[in-house]
Amino acid sequence: MNKLERIACLYLTFLSSPGGLSFAGIRQFLPTAYQGEQEAARRKFERDKEELRELGMELRYYGAGEALPDGSLADGPMYLVAEETRRQAEPLRLSRSESRTLAASLRRLLHEVSVREQEGVSERRRALLESAAGK
């Protein structure tokens, strides 16, 4: 998975996971993005978090038992999209041409995922891509 695709998938994964994700969960949803040893994968994720921040998506880290913005406690270490980011996010407005291009790209990616499903691509990832393509 190239960097642009990894950042885009990470962005979409956090958008569709309002309750946050652990690093293990991130690796589960994006298995080809953060392969290899734990520490190397975590360093790559830290660099990707910076890329997300530059795109306007700030992630906050919460340790096990820490209070989350909704008042609940984190079950374990997790990353959550910062409240300020969620409030500031404007609805995405695309031209008809941009919408068609995005839909075509998602369909192509869905086809690639279908081909790779025999190799263990998660059903959840496929469902997320189908949802994004539909929207």
N, C-alpha and C. Protein backbone atom coordinates (compact mmCIF):
# COMPACT_ATOMS: atom_id res chain seq x y z
N MET A 1 0.85 -1.17 0.00
CA MET A 1 0.00 0.00 0.00
C MET A 1 0.90 1.24 0.00
N ASN A 2 0.67 2.14 -0.96
CA ASN A 2 1.50 3.34 -1.01
C ASN A 2 1.05 4.34 0.06
N LYS A 3 1.86 5.36 0.27
CA LYS A 3 1.61 6.32 1.35
C LYS A 3 0.28 7.04 1.18
N LEU A 4 -0.02 7.51 0.00
CA LEU A 4 -1.27 8.25 -0.23
C LEU A 4 -2.48 7.37 0.08
N GLU A 5 -2.46 6.13 -0.40
CA GLU A 5 -3.56 5.22 -0.13
C GLU A 5 -3.65 4.92 1.37
N ARG A 6 -2.52 4.75 2.03
CA ARG A 6 -2.50 4.47 3.46
C ARG A 6 -3.11 5.62 4.25
N ILE A 7 -2.72 6.85 3.93
CA ILE A 7 -3.25 8.02 4.63
C ILE A 7 -4.75 8.16 4.39
N ALA A 8 -5.18 7.96 3.13
CA ALA A 8 -6.61 8.05 2.81
C ALA A 8 -7.41 6.98 3.55
N CYS A 9 -6.91 5.77 3.57
CA CYS A 9 -7.61 4.69 4.28
C CYS A 9 -7.65 4.95 5.78
N LEU A 10 -6.56 5.47 6.32
CA LEU A 10 -6.52 5.78 7.75
C LEU A 10 -7.53 6.89 8.07
N TYR A 11 -7.59 7.88 7.22
CA TYR A 11 -8.54 8.99 7.40
C TYR A 11 -9.97 8.45 7.40
N LEU A 12 -10.30 7.64 6.40
CA LEU A 12 -11.65 7.08 6.31
C LEU A 12 -11.94 6.14 7.47
N THR A 13 -10.95 5.39 7.91
CA THR A 13 -11.14 4.47 9.02
C THR A 13 -11.50 5.23 10.29
N PHE A 14 -10.82 6.33 10.55
CA PHE A 14 -11.15 7.11 11.75
C PHE A 14 -12.49 7.82 11.61
N LEU A 15 -12.83 8.27 10.40
CA LEU A 15 -14.14 8.88 10.21
C LEU A 15 -15.26 7.89 10.50
N SER A 16 -15.04 6.63 10.18
CA SER A 16 -16.08 5.62 10.38
C SER A 16 -15.97 4.93 11.74
N SER A 17 -15.07 5.41 12.60
CA SER A 17 -14.88 4.81 13.93
C SER A 17 -14.95 5.91 14.99
N PRO A 18 -16.15 6.48 15.21
CA PRO A 18 -16.26 7.60 16.15
C PRO A 18 -15.88 7.24 17.58
N GLY A 19 -15.90 5.96 17.92
CA GLY A 19 -15.53 5.54 19.27
C GLY A 19 -14.04 5.38 19.46
N GLY A 20 -13.25 5.65 18.42
CA GLY A 20 -11.80 5.55 18.50
C GLY A 20 -11.31 4.15 18.19
N LEU A 21 -9.98 4.04 18.09
CA LEU A 21 -9.34 2.77 17.77
C LEU A 21 -8.05 2.61 18.54
N SER A 22 -7.76 1.40 18.91
CA SER A 22 -6.46 1.08 19.48
C SER A 22 -5.48 0.90 18.33
N PHE A 23 -4.19 0.89 18.64
CA PHE A 23 -3.22 0.65 17.58
C PHE A 23 -3.41 -0.76 17.01
N ALA A 24 -3.73 -1.71 17.87
CA ALA A 24 -4.00 -3.08 17.40
C ALA A 24 -5.20 -3.08 16.44
N GLY A 25 -6.22 -2.30 16.75
CA GLY A 25 -7.39 -2.19 15.88
C GLY A 25 -7.05 -1.57 14.54
N ILE A 26 -6.19 -0.56 14.58
CA ILE A 26 -5.75 0.08 13.34
C ILE A 26 -5.02 -0.94 12.47
N ARG A 27 -4.15 -1.71 13.08
CA ARG A 27 -3.41 -2.73 12.32
C ARG A 27 -4.36 -3.80 11.78
N GLN A 28 -5.42 -4.08 12.50
CA GLN A 28 -6.39 -5.07 12.04
C GLN A 28 -7.17 -4.55 10.83
N PHE A 29 -7.61 -3.28 10.88
CA PHE A 29 -8.38 -2.71 9.78
C PHE A 29 -7.53 -2.39 8.56
N LEU A 30 -6.25 -2.12 8.78
CA LEU A 30 -5.34 -1.79 7.69
C LEU A 30 -4.13 -2.71 7.73
N PRO A 31 -4.34 -4.01 7.50
CA PRO A 31 -3.27 -4.98 7.68
C PRO A 31 -2.06 -4.78 6.77
N THR A 32 -2.27 -4.26 5.58
CA THR A 32 -1.13 -4.07 4.68
C THR A 32 -0.42 -2.74 4.94
N ALA A 33 -1.03 -1.86 5.73
CA ALA A 33 -0.44 -0.55 5.98
C ALA A 33 0.64 -0.58 7.05
N TYR A 34 0.43 -1.38 8.08
CA TYR A 34 1.34 -1.37 9.23
C TYR A 34 1.85 -2.78 9.52
N GLN A 35 2.50 -3.35 8.54
CA GLN A 35 3.06 -4.69 8.67
C GLN A 35 4.40 -4.62 9.41
N GLY A 36 4.91 -5.78 9.73
CA GLY A 36 6.24 -5.85 10.31
C GLY A 36 6.23 -5.75 11.82
N GLU A 37 7.39 -5.44 12.35
CA GLU A 37 7.56 -5.38 13.79
C GLU A 37 6.72 -4.26 14.40
N GLN A 38 6.28 -4.47 15.60
CA GLN A 38 5.40 -3.54 16.32
C GLN A 38 5.99 -2.13 16.37
N GLU A 39 7.25 -2.02 16.76
CA GLU A 39 7.85 -0.69 16.94
C GLU A 39 7.98 0.05 15.61
N ALA A 40 8.39 -0.63 14.56
CA ALA A 40 8.51 0.00 13.24
C ALA A 40 7.13 0.44 12.74
N ALA A 41 6.13 -0.41 12.94
CA ALA A 41 4.76 -0.08 12.52
C ALA A 41 4.24 1.12 13.30
N ARG A 42 4.55 1.17 14.59
CA ARG A 42 4.10 2.30 15.41
C ARG A 42 4.77 3.61 14.97
N ARG A 43 6.04 3.56 14.63
CA ARG A 43 6.73 4.78 14.15
C ARG A 43 6.09 5.27 12.84
N LYS A 44 5.76 4.34 11.96
CA LYS A 44 5.10 4.71 10.71
C LYS A 44 3.74 5.36 11.00
N PHE A 45 3.01 4.79 11.95
CA PHE A 45 1.71 5.36 12.33
C PHE A 45 1.89 6.77 12.91
N GLU A 46 2.92 6.97 13.72
CA GLU A 46 3.16 8.31 14.29
C GLU A 46 3.42 9.32 13.17
N ARG A 47 4.17 8.93 12.15
CA ARG A 47 4.38 9.83 11.00
C ARG A 47 3.06 10.08 10.27
N ASP A 48 2.25 9.03 10.15
CA ASP A 48 0.97 9.18 9.47
C ASP A 48 0.02 10.07 10.26
N LYS A 49 0.09 10.01 11.58
CA LYS A 49 -0.74 10.90 12.42
C LYS A 49 -0.41 12.35 12.12
N GLU A 50 0.86 12.64 11.89
CA GLU A 50 1.26 14.00 11.55
C GLU A 50 0.68 14.41 10.19
N GLU A 51 0.68 13.48 9.24
CA GLU A 51 0.07 13.75 7.93
C GLU A 51 -1.43 14.04 8.09
N LEU A 52 -2.10 13.24 8.93
CA LEU A 52 -3.53 13.47 9.17
C LEU A 52 -3.76 14.85 9.78
N ARG A 53 -2.88 15.22 10.72
CA ARG A 53 -3.02 16.53 11.36
C ARG A 53 -2.91 17.64 10.31
N GLU A 54 -1.97 17.49 9.37
CA GLU A 54 -1.81 18.48 8.31
C GLU A 54 -3.04 18.53 7.40
N LEU A 55 -3.77 17.42 7.32
CA LEU A 55 -5.00 17.38 6.52
C LEU A 55 -6.21 17.86 7.32
N GLY A 56 -5.99 18.20 8.59
CA GLY A 56 -7.08 18.72 9.42
C GLY A 56 -7.69 17.72 10.38
N MET A 57 -7.11 16.54 10.48
CA MET A 57 -7.65 15.54 11.41
C MET A 57 -6.64 15.30 12.53
N GLU A 58 -6.93 15.88 13.67
CA GLU A 58 -6.07 15.73 14.84
C GLU A 58 -6.53 14.51 15.63
N LEU A 59 -5.59 13.62 15.95
CA LEU A 59 -5.90 12.45 16.77
C LEU A 59 -5.37 12.68 18.18
N ARG A 60 -6.14 12.26 19.17
CA ARG A 60 -5.73 12.33 20.57
C ARG A 60 -5.51 10.91 21.08
N TYR A 61 -4.49 10.76 21.92
CA TYR A 61 -4.20 9.47 22.54
C TYR A 61 -4.80 9.46 23.94
N TYR A 62 -5.45 8.35 24.30
CA TYR A 62 -5.99 8.16 25.64
C TYR A 62 -5.48 6.83 26.16
N GLY A 63 -4.94 6.84 27.35
CA GLY A 63 -4.47 5.62 27.98
C GLY A 63 -5.64 4.87 28.62
N ALA A 64 -5.42 3.62 28.95
CA ALA A 64 -6.45 2.80 29.59
C ALA A 64 -6.94 3.49 30.85
N GLY A 65 -8.26 3.60 30.98
CA GLY A 65 -8.86 4.20 32.16
C GLY A 65 -8.99 5.70 32.13
N GLU A 66 -8.43 6.35 31.12
CA GLU A 66 -8.55 7.82 31.03
C GLU A 66 -9.96 8.19 30.58
N ALA A 67 -10.41 9.37 31.03
CA ALA A 67 -11.73 9.86 30.66
C ALA A 67 -11.73 10.33 29.21
N LEU A 68 -12.71 9.87 28.46
CA LEU A 68 -12.89 10.27 27.07
C LEU A 68 -13.80 11.49 27.00
N PRO A 69 -13.84 12.20 25.90
CA PRO A 69 -14.67 13.40 25.79
C PRO A 69 -16.16 13.15 26.10
N ASP A 70 -16.66 11.93 25.85
CA ASP A 70 -18.07 11.64 26.12
C ASP A 70 -18.32 11.27 27.58
N GLY A 71 -17.26 11.28 28.41
CA GLY A 71 -17.40 10.97 29.83
C GLY A 71 -17.13 9.52 30.18
N SER A 72 -17.06 8.64 29.19
CA SER A 72 -16.76 7.24 29.46
C SER A 72 -15.25 7.09 29.67
N LEU A 73 -14.84 5.89 30.06
CA LEU A 73 -13.42 5.62 30.27
C LEU A 73 -12.90 4.74 29.15
N ALA A 74 -11.67 4.99 28.74
CA ALA A 74 -11.04 4.20 27.69
C ALA A 74 -10.82 2.78 28.20
N ASP A 75 -11.25 1.79 27.43
CA ASP A 75 -11.06 0.38 27.79
C ASP A 75 -9.59 0.01 27.78
N GLY A 76 -8.85 0.62 26.91
CA GLY A 76 -7.42 0.36 26.75
C GLY A 76 -6.83 1.54 26.01
N PRO A 77 -5.55 1.49 25.71
CA PRO A 77 -4.94 2.60 24.96
C PRO A 77 -5.63 2.78 23.61
N MET A 78 -5.97 4.02 23.28
CA MET A 78 -6.69 4.25 22.03
C MET A 78 -6.45 5.65 21.49
N TYR A 79 -6.76 5.79 20.20
CA TYR A 79 -6.69 7.07 19.51
C TYR A 79 -8.10 7.46 19.10
N LEU A 80 -8.38 8.74 19.27
CA LEU A 80 -9.71 9.25 18.98
C LEU A 80 -9.56 10.57 18.23
N VAL A 81 -10.43 10.81 17.27
CA VAL A 81 -10.41 12.09 16.56
C VAL A 81 -10.76 13.18 17.57
N ALA A 82 -9.94 14.22 17.63
CA ALA A 82 -10.15 15.31 18.60
C ALA A 82 -11.50 15.98 18.37
N GLU A 83 -12.14 16.35 19.47
CA GLU A 83 -13.45 17.01 19.40
C GLU A 83 -13.40 18.25 18.53
N GLU A 84 -12.33 19.05 18.67
CA GLU A 84 -12.23 20.28 17.87
C GLU A 84 -12.26 19.96 16.39
N THR A 85 -11.61 18.87 16.01
CA THR A 85 -11.58 18.45 14.61
C THR A 85 -12.97 18.09 14.15
N ARG A 86 -13.70 17.33 14.96
CA ARG A 86 -15.06 16.93 14.58
C ARG A 86 -15.97 18.14 14.43
N ARG A 87 -15.84 19.12 15.32
CA ARG A 87 -16.69 20.31 15.26
C ARG A 87 -16.34 21.19 14.06
N GLN A 88 -15.05 21.25 13.72
CA GLN A 88 -14.59 22.13 12.64
C GLN A 88 -14.80 21.54 11.26
N ALA A 89 -14.96 20.23 11.19
CA ALA A 89 -15.07 19.58 9.88
C ALA A 89 -16.30 20.08 9.15
N GLU A 90 -16.07 20.56 7.95
CA GLU A 90 -17.17 21.01 7.11
C GLU A 90 -17.60 19.87 6.20
N PRO A 91 -18.86 19.87 5.81
CA PRO A 91 -19.28 18.82 4.87
C PRO A 91 -18.46 18.88 3.59
N LEU A 92 -18.13 17.74 3.09
CA LEU A 92 -17.35 17.65 1.87
C LEU A 92 -18.25 18.01 0.68
N ARG A 93 -17.81 18.96 -0.11
CA ARG A 93 -18.58 19.37 -1.29
C ARG A 93 -17.73 19.08 -2.52
N LEU A 94 -18.25 18.22 -3.36
CA LEU A 94 -17.54 17.84 -4.57
C LEU A 94 -18.36 18.22 -5.78
N SER A 95 -17.66 18.58 -6.85
CA SER A 95 -18.36 18.82 -8.11
C SER A 95 -18.83 17.47 -8.65
N ARG A 96 -19.68 17.50 -9.64
CA ARG A 96 -20.16 16.26 -10.26
C ARG A 96 -18.98 15.44 -10.81
N SER A 97 -18.05 16.12 -11.45
CA SER A 97 -16.88 15.45 -12.01
C SER A 97 -16.01 14.83 -10.90
N GLU A 98 -15.80 15.58 -9.83
CA GLU A 98 -15.00 15.06 -8.72
C GLU A 98 -15.69 13.85 -8.08
N SER A 99 -17.01 13.93 -7.94
CA SER A 99 -17.76 12.81 -7.36
C SER A 99 -17.62 11.56 -8.22
N ARG A 100 -17.72 11.73 -9.53
CA ARG A 100 -17.58 10.58 -10.43
C ARG A 100 -16.17 9.99 -10.37
N THR A 101 -15.17 10.85 -10.32
CA THR A 101 -13.78 10.38 -10.24
C THR A 101 -13.56 9.62 -8.94
N LEU A 102 -14.04 10.16 -7.83
CA LEU A 102 -13.90 9.48 -6.54
C LEU A 102 -14.63 8.14 -6.55
N ALA A 103 -15.85 8.12 -7.08
CA ALA A 103 -16.61 6.87 -7.14
C ALA A 103 -15.89 5.83 -8.01
N ALA A 104 -15.34 6.26 -9.12
CA ALA A 104 -14.61 5.33 -10.00
C ALA A 104 -13.38 4.78 -9.28
N SER A 105 -12.67 5.63 -8.55
CA SER A 105 -11.50 5.18 -7.80
C SER A 105 -11.89 4.18 -6.74
N LEU A 106 -12.97 4.46 -6.03
CA LEU A 106 -13.44 3.54 -4.99
C LEU A 106 -13.88 2.20 -5.59
N ARG A 107 -14.56 2.25 -6.74
CA ARG A 107 -14.98 1.00 -7.38
C ARG A 107 -13.77 0.16 -7.77
N ARG A 108 -12.73 0.83 -8.31
CA ARG A 108 -11.51 0.12 -8.67
C ARG A 108 -10.86 -0.49 -7.43
N LEU A 109 -10.81 0.25 -6.35
CA LEU A 109 -10.24 -0.26 -5.11
C LEU A 109 -11.08 -1.42 -4.57
N LEU A 110 -12.40 -1.31 -4.67
CA LEU A 110 -13.28 -2.41 -4.24
C LEU A 110 -13.00 -3.67 -5.05
N HIS A 111 -12.79 -3.50 -6.36
CA HIS A 111 -12.47 -4.65 -7.20
C HIS A 111 -11.17 -5.29 -6.74
N GLU A 112 -10.16 -4.45 -6.47
CA GLU A 112 -8.87 -4.97 -6.00
C GLU A 112 -9.04 -5.70 -4.67
N VAL A 113 -9.86 -5.15 -3.79
CA VAL A 113 -10.10 -5.80 -2.49
C VAL A 113 -10.80 -7.14 -2.71
N SER A 114 -11.76 -7.18 -3.64
CA SER A 114 -12.46 -8.43 -3.93
C SER A 114 -11.48 -9.49 -4.41
N VAL A 115 -10.56 -9.09 -5.27
CA VAL A 115 -9.56 -10.02 -5.79
C VAL A 115 -8.67 -10.51 -4.65
N ARG A 116 -8.35 -9.61 -3.72
CA ARG A 116 -7.44 -9.97 -2.62
C ARG A 116 -8.15 -10.61 -1.43
N GLU A 117 -9.50 -10.70 -1.47
CA GLU A 117 -10.21 -11.29 -0.33
C GLU A 117 -9.74 -12.70 -0.03
N GLN A 118 -9.34 -13.41 -1.06
CA GLN A 118 -8.82 -14.74 -0.83
C GLN A 118 -7.53 -14.69 -0.03
N GLU A 119 -6.87 -13.54 -0.01
CA GLU A 119 -5.62 -13.38 0.73
C GLU A 119 -5.86 -12.85 2.13
N GLY A 120 -7.10 -12.76 2.56
CA GLY A 120 -7.39 -12.39 3.94
C GLY A 120 -7.76 -10.93 4.17
N VAL A 121 -8.18 -10.18 3.15
CA VAL A 121 -8.63 -8.81 3.36
C VAL A 121 -9.91 -8.87 4.18
N SER A 122 -10.00 -8.05 5.21
CA SER A 122 -11.13 -8.14 6.14
C SER A 122 -12.45 -7.71 5.50
N GLU A 123 -13.50 -8.35 5.93
CA GLU A 123 -14.85 -8.02 5.47
C GLU A 123 -15.21 -6.60 5.90
N ARG A 124 -14.73 -6.20 7.09
CA ARG A 124 -15.02 -4.84 7.60
C ARG A 124 -14.43 -3.79 6.65
N ARG A 125 -13.21 -4.01 6.18
CA ARG A 125 -12.59 -3.06 5.26
C ARG A 125 -13.41 -2.96 3.98
N ARG A 126 -13.84 -4.10 3.46
CA ARG A 126 -14.66 -4.10 2.26
C ARG A 126 -15.96 -3.33 2.50
N ALA A 127 -16.58 -3.57 3.66
CA ALA A 127 -17.83 -2.87 3.99
C ALA A 127 -17.62 -1.36 4.08
N LEU A 128 -16.49 -0.94 4.65
CA LEU A 128 -16.18 0.49 4.74
C LEU A 128 -16.02 1.10 3.36
N LEU A 129 -15.33 0.40 2.48
CA LEU A 129 -15.13 0.90 1.12
C LEU A 129 -16.45 0.96 0.37
N GLU A 130 -17.30 -0.04 0.53
CA GLU A 130 -18.61 -0.03 -0.12
C GLU A 130 -19.45 1.14 0.39
N SER A 131 -19.40 1.38 1.67
CA SER A 131 -20.14 2.50 2.25
C SER A 131 -19.65 3.82 1.68
N ALA A 132 -18.32 3.98 1.61
CA ALA A 132 -17.75 5.22 1.07
C ALA A 132 -18.14 5.39 -0.39
N ALA A 133 -18.09 4.31 -1.17
CA ALA A 133 -18.46 4.37 -2.59
C ALA A 133 -19.93 4.77 -2.74
N GLY A 134 -20.77 4.22 -1.88
CA GLY A 134 -22.20 4.55 -1.95
C GLY A 134 -22.49 6.01 -1.64
N LYS A 135 -21.74 6.55 -0.71
CA LYS A 135 -21.96 7.95 -0.31
C LYS A 135 -21.42 8.89 -1.36
